[in-house]
């Protein structure tokens, strides 16, 4: 939990400084070198549910980073694509 809190703090600090996308990711990785994409996504979710964090722009930046890294997480490691997963879904008429 302590590690996740450090990643969370780095994420919010970077977003408050106006960093976005790759610059924010690099900022978090510089402050927390052991942070994985998974930890960054989880810390992002903590930020999104934090009732004290109310700045819409900061929340939008954190949300965008979480979505990007959630979708990138596992690609190239044999993870099934969304298209393959959707092929198993029944068709709605």
Protein backbone atom coordinates (compact mmCIF):
# COMPACT_ATOMS: atom_id res chain seq x y z
CA UNK A 1 0.00 0.00 0.00
CA UNK A 2 2.89 2.34 0.79
CA UNK A 3 4.28 1.89 -2.72
CA UNK A 4 0.85 2.56 -4.28
CA UNK A 5 0.52 5.73 -2.20
CA UNK A 6 3.90 6.98 -3.47
CA UNK A 7 2.83 6.33 -7.06
CA UNK A 8 -0.50 8.05 -6.36
CA UNK A 9 1.26 11.13 -4.94
CA UNK A 10 3.66 11.30 -7.90
CA UNK A 11 0.75 10.97 -10.30
CA UNK A 12 -1.25 13.77 -8.69
CA UNK A 13 1.82 16.01 -8.31
CA UNK A 14 2.72 15.59 -11.97
CA UNK A 15 -0.85 16.24 -13.11
CA UNK A 16 -0.99 19.36 -10.92
CA UNK A 17 2.20 20.60 -12.61
CA UNK A 18 0.43 20.35 -15.95
CA UNK A 19 2.06 17.17 -17.22
CA UNK A 20 0.03 14.90 -19.48
CA UNK A 21 0.31 11.58 -21.28
CA UNK A 22 3.91 10.38 -21.74
CA UNK A 23 5.42 13.29 -19.78
CA UNK A 24 3.27 12.39 -16.78
CA UNK A 25 4.15 8.71 -17.12
CA UNK A 26 7.88 9.59 -17.29
CA UNK A 27 7.51 11.85 -14.23
CA UNK A 28 5.91 9.04 -12.22
CA UNK A 29 8.57 6.55 -13.37
CA UNK A 30 11.34 9.00 -12.38
CA UNK A 31 9.89 9.41 -8.86
CA UNK A 32 8.96 5.74 -8.50
CA UNK A 33 11.33 3.65 -10.65
CA UNK A 34 9.71 0.38 -9.55
CA UNK A 35 6.24 1.49 -10.64
CA UNK A 36 4.72 -0.81 -13.22
CA UNK A 37 1.88 0.08 -15.58
CA UNK A 38 -0.40 -1.97 -13.34
CA UNK A 39 0.59 0.05 -10.25
CA UNK A 40 0.12 3.30 -12.13
CA UNK A 41 -3.37 2.24 -13.26
CA UNK A 42 -4.31 1.28 -9.70
CA UNK A 43 -2.96 4.56 -8.33
CA UNK A 44 -4.96 6.37 -11.02
CA UNK A 45 -8.12 4.65 -9.83
CA UNK A 46 -7.34 5.79 -6.28
CA UNK A 47 -7.06 9.35 -7.55
CA UNK A 48 -10.36 9.10 -9.39
CA UNK A 49 -12.22 8.05 -6.24
CA UNK A 50 -10.45 10.53 -3.94
CA UNK A 51 -13.17 12.93 -2.74
CA UNK A 52 -10.58 15.68 -2.07
CA UNK A 53 -9.39 15.75 -5.67
CA UNK A 54 -11.97 17.88 -7.49
CA UNK A 55 -10.10 19.57 -10.36
CA UNK A 56 -11.73 18.25 -13.53
CA UNK A 57 -8.62 18.82 -15.68
CA UNK A 58 -6.41 16.82 -13.32
CA UNK A 59 -8.98 14.04 -13.15
CA UNK A 60 -9.26 13.99 -16.96
CA UNK A 61 -5.47 13.71 -17.35
CA UNK A 62 -5.26 10.91 -14.77
CA UNK A 63 -8.22 9.10 -16.34
CA UNK A 64 -6.65 9.30 -19.81
CA UNK A 65 -3.35 7.94 -18.52
CA UNK A 66 -5.10 5.08 -16.71
CA UNK A 67 -7.08 4.10 -19.81
CA UNK A 68 -4.03 4.26 -22.06
CA UNK A 69 -1.91 2.10 -19.79
CA UNK A 70 -4.76 -0.28 -18.98
CA UNK A 71 -5.19 -0.93 -22.70
CA UNK A 72 -1.42 -1.18 -23.27
CA UNK A 73 -0.90 -3.47 -20.27
CA UNK A 74 -0.24 -6.98 -21.50
CA UNK A 75 -0.05 -6.23 -25.23
CA UNK A 76 2.63 -8.24 -26.90
CA UNK A 77 2.54 -10.85 -24.14
CA UNK A 78 0.01 -13.15 -25.74
CA UNK A 79 -2.98 -11.29 -24.31
CA UNK A 80 -6.14 -11.76 -26.38
CA UNK A 81 -7.22 -8.74 -28.34
CA UNK A 82 -10.54 -7.04 -27.77
CA UNK A 83 -11.64 -8.25 -31.20
CA UNK A 84 -10.97 -11.87 -30.26
CA UNK A 85 -12.80 -11.42 -26.95
CA UNK A 86 -15.79 -9.88 -28.73
CA UNK A 87 -16.09 -12.80 -31.12
CA UNK A 88 -17.27 -14.97 -28.25
CA UNK A 89 -20.12 -12.61 -27.39
CA UNK A 90 -23.60 -13.46 -28.65
CA UNK A 91 -24.93 -11.18 -31.36
CA UNK A 92 -27.85 -8.93 -30.46
CA UNK A 93 -30.68 -8.80 -32.97
